[in-house]
Amino acid sequence: MDRVEKMLGRMKASKLYRCVDWDPEGKAKDLVDKFNSASRSETMTRTGEYLGKLFAHMGKECYIEPPFYCDYGTNIHVGDYFYANTGLIVLDQCDVIIGDHAFLGPRVNIYCACHPIDAMIRNTGVELGKPVTIGDNVWIGGNTVINPGVTIGSNVVIGSGSVVTKDIPDSVIAAGNPCKVIRTITNKDKEYWLKQLEEFEADTGEQVKLEQD
């Protein structure tokens, strides 16, 4: 095992490591640059064409609005029907795992990267990362920051401008800095939105197919 492999292994294992030139030919950066320079009409196909080659996993029918930035890309796993609005930043020193039907507002930031609290150790240049997990059916409002080591459950809404520093459980609305649970999402919410959908169908004549929970 050479030094690059050693440091990358330590990085993914959330141990102290030093940054190494893991991509000397710049292939990963080139894929991101090509994606960001695509015309709007090309963005839908090029999400998979370029970022699909870079990510560890990309599900079906994923769409990311440029510009997009990531540190590695190879540690990003996104499920089916993923959507991210413009300005997504992912510092993916460790695995970033995102489930199906996740919607991200503009300028969401996901950080795995962190540094030692002790200044003397930090000033040596060593650093570390912690993984981030986001469940299925999650909507994250714009300008939200998700900090290292956080897990966000499924069926969650995160209010815009939140700073998520701790785990968020399933089926809640959470917001704020630091992000805290505001309330549980209940059957009353489903009943309300089913009525809104009925009105939409009646007014437009369009029928909407619902997926089962």
Protein backbone atom coordinates (compact mmCIF):
# COMPACT_ATOMS: atom_id res chain seq x y z
CA MET A 1 0.00 0.00 0.00
CA ASP A 2 1.49 3.36 -1.02
CA ARG A 3 1.13 6.63 0.87
CA VAL A 4 -1.84 7.84 -1.20
CA GLU A 5 -3.81 4.64 -0.55
CA LYS A 6 -2.87 4.77 3.13
CA MET A 7 -4.10 8.34 3.58
CA LEU A 8 -7.28 7.77 1.58
CA GLY A 9 -8.03 4.70 3.69
CA ARG A 10 -7.53 6.65 6.90
CA MET A 11 -9.69 9.48 5.56
CA LYS A 12 -12.65 7.21 4.79
CA ALA A 13 -12.24 5.52 8.18
CA SER A 14 -12.62 8.90 9.97
CA LYS A 15 -9.02 8.82 11.23
CA LEU A 16 -6.47 11.62 11.11
CA TYR A 17 -4.88 11.90 7.68
CA ARG A 18 -2.94 14.27 5.45
CA CYS A 19 -4.28 15.51 2.13
CA VAL A 20 -2.67 13.76 -0.83
CA ASP A 21 -2.85 14.27 -4.59
CA TRP A 22 -5.19 11.36 -5.26
CA ASP A 23 -6.07 12.49 -8.81
CA PRO A 24 -2.86 13.90 -10.38
CA GLU A 25 -4.41 13.97 -13.86
CA GLY A 26 -7.40 15.97 -12.62
CA LYS A 27 -9.99 13.64 -14.14
CA ALA A 28 -12.53 14.21 -11.36
CA LYS A 29 -12.23 18.00 -11.57
CA ASP A 30 -12.55 17.79 -15.36
CA LEU A 31 -15.84 15.89 -15.08
CA VAL A 32 -17.24 18.51 -12.69
CA ASP A 33 -16.01 21.35 -14.93
CA LYS A 34 -17.62 19.78 -18.00
CA PHE A 35 -20.89 19.36 -16.13
CA ASN A 36 -20.86 22.97 -14.91
CA SER A 37 -20.15 24.30 -18.41
CA ALA A 38 -23.03 22.40 -20.02
CA SER A 39 -25.91 24.38 -21.47
CA ARG A 40 -29.22 24.25 -19.64
CA SER A 41 -30.71 21.99 -22.31
CA GLU A 42 -27.85 19.55 -21.78
CA THR A 43 -27.86 19.52 -17.98
CA MET A 44 -30.45 16.75 -17.59
CA THR A 45 -28.49 14.24 -19.64
CA ARG A 46 -25.11 15.41 -18.43
CA THR A 47 -25.95 14.90 -14.77
CA GLY A 48 -25.64 11.19 -15.43
CA GLU A 49 -23.09 11.46 -18.21
CA TYR A 50 -20.50 13.29 -16.13
CA LEU A 51 -21.44 13.09 -12.46
CA GLY A 52 -22.72 9.53 -12.85
CA LYS A 53 -19.21 8.52 -13.87
CA LEU A 54 -17.73 10.29 -10.85
CA PHE A 55 -20.11 9.37 -8.02
CA ALA A 56 -19.87 6.06 -6.18
CA HIS A 57 -23.54 5.53 -7.06
CA MET A 58 -26.21 7.53 -8.85
CA GLY A 59 -29.77 6.24 -9.04
CA LYS A 60 -32.23 6.73 -11.89
CA GLU A 61 -33.64 10.10 -12.97
CA CYS A 62 -31.29 12.27 -10.93
CA TYR A 63 -30.90 15.96 -11.70
CA ILE A 64 -28.49 18.54 -10.31
CA GLU A 65 -28.62 22.21 -11.27
CA PRO A 66 -25.16 23.67 -11.94
CA PRO A 67 -22.94 24.96 -10.54
CA PHE A 68 -21.95 21.98 -8.42
CA TYR A 69 -18.78 21.38 -6.40
CA CYS A 70 -17.36 18.36 -4.60
CA ASP A 71 -13.95 17.46 -3.20
CA TYR A 72 -13.81 13.87 -4.47
CA GLY A 73 -17.16 12.76 -5.84
CA THR A 74 -16.17 9.13 -5.45
CA ASN A 75 -17.64 9.06 -1.94
CA ILE A 76 -21.09 10.37 -2.96
CA HIS A 77 -24.00 7.90 -3.16
CA VAL A 78 -27.40 9.23 -4.31
CA GLY A 79 -30.62 7.24 -4.71
CA ASP A 80 -33.37 7.40 -7.30
CA TYR A 81 -35.14 10.66 -8.22
CA PHE A 82 -32.56 12.87 -6.51
CA TYR A 83 -32.84 16.61 -7.17
CA ALA A 84 -30.48 19.36 -6.08
CA ASN A 85 -30.99 23.01 -6.93
CA THR A 86 -28.11 25.29 -7.90
CA GLY A 87 -24.98 25.73 -5.81
CA LEU A 88 -24.74 22.33 -4.09
CA ILE A 89 -21.38 21.85 -2.32
CA VAL A 90 -20.35 18.42 -1.00
CA LEU A 91 -17.06 18.00 0.85
CA ASP A 92 -17.01 14.22 0.63
CA GLN A 93 -13.93 13.10 2.53
CA CYS A 94 -16.12 10.26 3.83
CA ASP A 95 -19.25 8.62 2.45
CA VAL A 96 -22.21 10.88 1.77
CA ILE A 97 -25.22 8.59 1.41
CA ILE A 98 -28.50 10.11 0.19
CA GLY A 99 -31.68 8.06 -0.22
CA ASP A 100 -34.47 8.07 -2.81
CA HIS A 101 -36.66 11.10 -3.51
CA ALA A 102 -34.35 13.59 -1.78
CA PHE A 103 -34.89 17.24 -2.75
CA LEU A 104 -32.23 19.84 -1.93
CA GLY A 105 -32.85 23.57 -2.21
CA PRO A 106 -30.33 26.08 -3.56
CA ARG A 107 -26.90 26.43 -1.94
CA VAL A 108 -27.11 23.42 0.35
CA ASN A 109 -23.72 22.57 1.86
CA ILE A 110 -22.81 19.05 3.04
CA TYR A 111 -19.56 18.85 4.98
CA CYS A 112 -17.69 15.68 5.90
CA ALA A 113 -14.44 17.59 6.40
CA CYS A 114 -13.42 18.69 9.88
CA HIS A 115 -10.28 19.61 11.78
CA PRO A 116 -8.84 18.93 15.25
CA ILE A 117 -10.22 21.19 17.99
CA ASP A 118 -6.75 21.58 19.51
CA ALA A 119 -4.92 24.36 17.64
CA MET A 120 -1.45 22.84 18.05
CA ILE A 121 -2.58 19.60 16.40
CA ARG A 122 -4.68 21.45 13.81
CA ASN A 123 -1.69 23.58 12.77
CA THR A 124 0.27 20.46 11.79
CA GLY A 125 -2.05 20.12 8.79
CA VAL A 126 -3.63 16.81 9.72
CA GLU A 127 -7.39 16.62 9.38
CA LEU A 128 -10.25 14.13 9.43
CA GLY A 129 -13.70 13.49 8.09
CA LYS A 130 -17.00 12.03 9.26
CA PRO A 131 -19.74 10.51 7.06
CA VAL A 132 -23.14 12.08 6.40
CA THR A 133 -26.34 10.12 5.78
CA ILE A 134 -29.66 11.49 4.49
CA GLY A 135 -32.69 9.18 4.30
CA ASP A 136 -35.52 8.74 1.79
CA ASN A 137 -38.16 11.38 1.07
CA VAL A 138 -36.19 14.26 2.56
CA TRP A 139 -36.62 17.91 1.60
CA ILE A 140 -33.78 20.21 2.65
CA GLY A 141 -34.40 23.95 2.33
CA GLY A 142 -31.99 26.37 0.69
CA ASN A 143 -28.82 27.61 2.40
CA THR A 144 -28.80 24.69 4.83
CA VAL A 145 -25.46 23.48 6.20
CA ILE A 146 -25.12 19.81 7.19
CA ASN A 147 -22.12 19.23 9.44
CA PRO A 148 -19.79 16.21 9.66
CA GLY A 149 -21.12 13.00 11.19
CA VAL A 150 -24.82 13.90 10.92
CA THR A 151 -27.59 11.43 10.05
CA ILE A 152 -30.93 12.81 8.85
CA GLY A 153 -33.76 10.27 8.94
CA SER A 154 -36.41 9.55 6.30
CA ASN A 155 -39.56 11.62 5.65
CA VAL A 156 -37.95 14.76 7.03
CA VAL A 157 -38.26 18.45 6.14
CA ILE A 158 -35.34 20.73 7.07
CA GLY A 159 -36.17 24.44 7.06
CA SER A 160 -34.10 26.82 4.95
CA GLY A 161 -31.03 28.38 6.54
CA SER A 162 -30.63 25.58 9.08
CA VAL A 163 -27.30 24.42 10.48
CA VAL A 164 -27.62 20.70 11.19
CA THR A 165 -25.12 19.73 13.89
CA LYS A 166 -26.84 16.65 15.36
CA ASP A 167 -28.86 13.69 14.09
CA ILE A 168 -32.48 14.31 13.06
CA PRO A 169 -35.02 11.45 13.52
CA ASP A 170 -37.56 10.20 10.99
CA SER A 171 -40.81 11.99 10.11
CA VAL A 172 -40.21 15.45 11.56
CA ILE A 173 -39.92 19.08 10.56
CA ALA A 174 -36.70 20.59 11.90
CA ALA A 175 -35.10 24.01 11.48
CA GLY A 176 -32.83 26.60 13.03
CA ASN A 177 -29.23 27.21 14.05
CA PRO A 178 -28.58 24.78 15.56
CA CYS A 179 -31.25 22.73 13.80
CA LYS A 180 -33.87 21.34 16.21
CA VAL A 181 -37.05 19.32 15.80
CA ILE A 182 -40.10 21.59 15.57
CA ARG A 183 -42.81 18.95 15.29
CA THR A 184 -43.68 15.49 14.02
CA ILE A 185 -45.17 15.03 10.56
CA THR A 186 -48.57 13.37 11.10
CA ASN A 187 -51.56 11.97 9.23
CA LYS A 188 -53.14 15.43 9.46
CA ASP A 189 -50.40 16.68 7.15
CA LYS A 190 -51.17 13.89 4.68
CA GLU A 191 -54.92 14.62 4.85
CA TYR A 192 -54.32 18.33 4.21
CA TRP A 193 -52.10 17.73 1.19
CA LEU A 194 -54.41 15.07 -0.24
CA LYS A 195 -57.17 17.69 -0.24
CA GLN A 196 -54.86 20.13 -2.01
CA LEU A 197 -54.09 17.45 -4.59
CA GLU A 198 -57.79 16.71 -5.10
CA GLU A 199 -58.37 20.41 -5.82
CA PHE A 200 -55.46 20.41 -8.27
CA GLU A 201 -56.82 17.38 -10.13
CA ALA A 202 -60.35 18.79 -10.24
CA ASP A 203 -59.19 22.16 -11.55
CA THR A 204 -56.62 20.96 -14.10
CA GLY A 205 -58.11 17.66 -15.18
CA GLU A 206 -54.76 16.00 -14.56
CA GLN A 207 -54.57 12.78 -12.55
CA VAL A 208 -51.57 12.30 -10.28
CA LYS A 209 -50.27 8.81 -9.51
CA LEU A 210 -49.29 8.43 -5.86
CA GLU A 211 -46.64 6.04 -4.62
CA GLN A 212 -47.50 3.97 -1.56
CA ASP A 213 -45.69 4.82 1.69
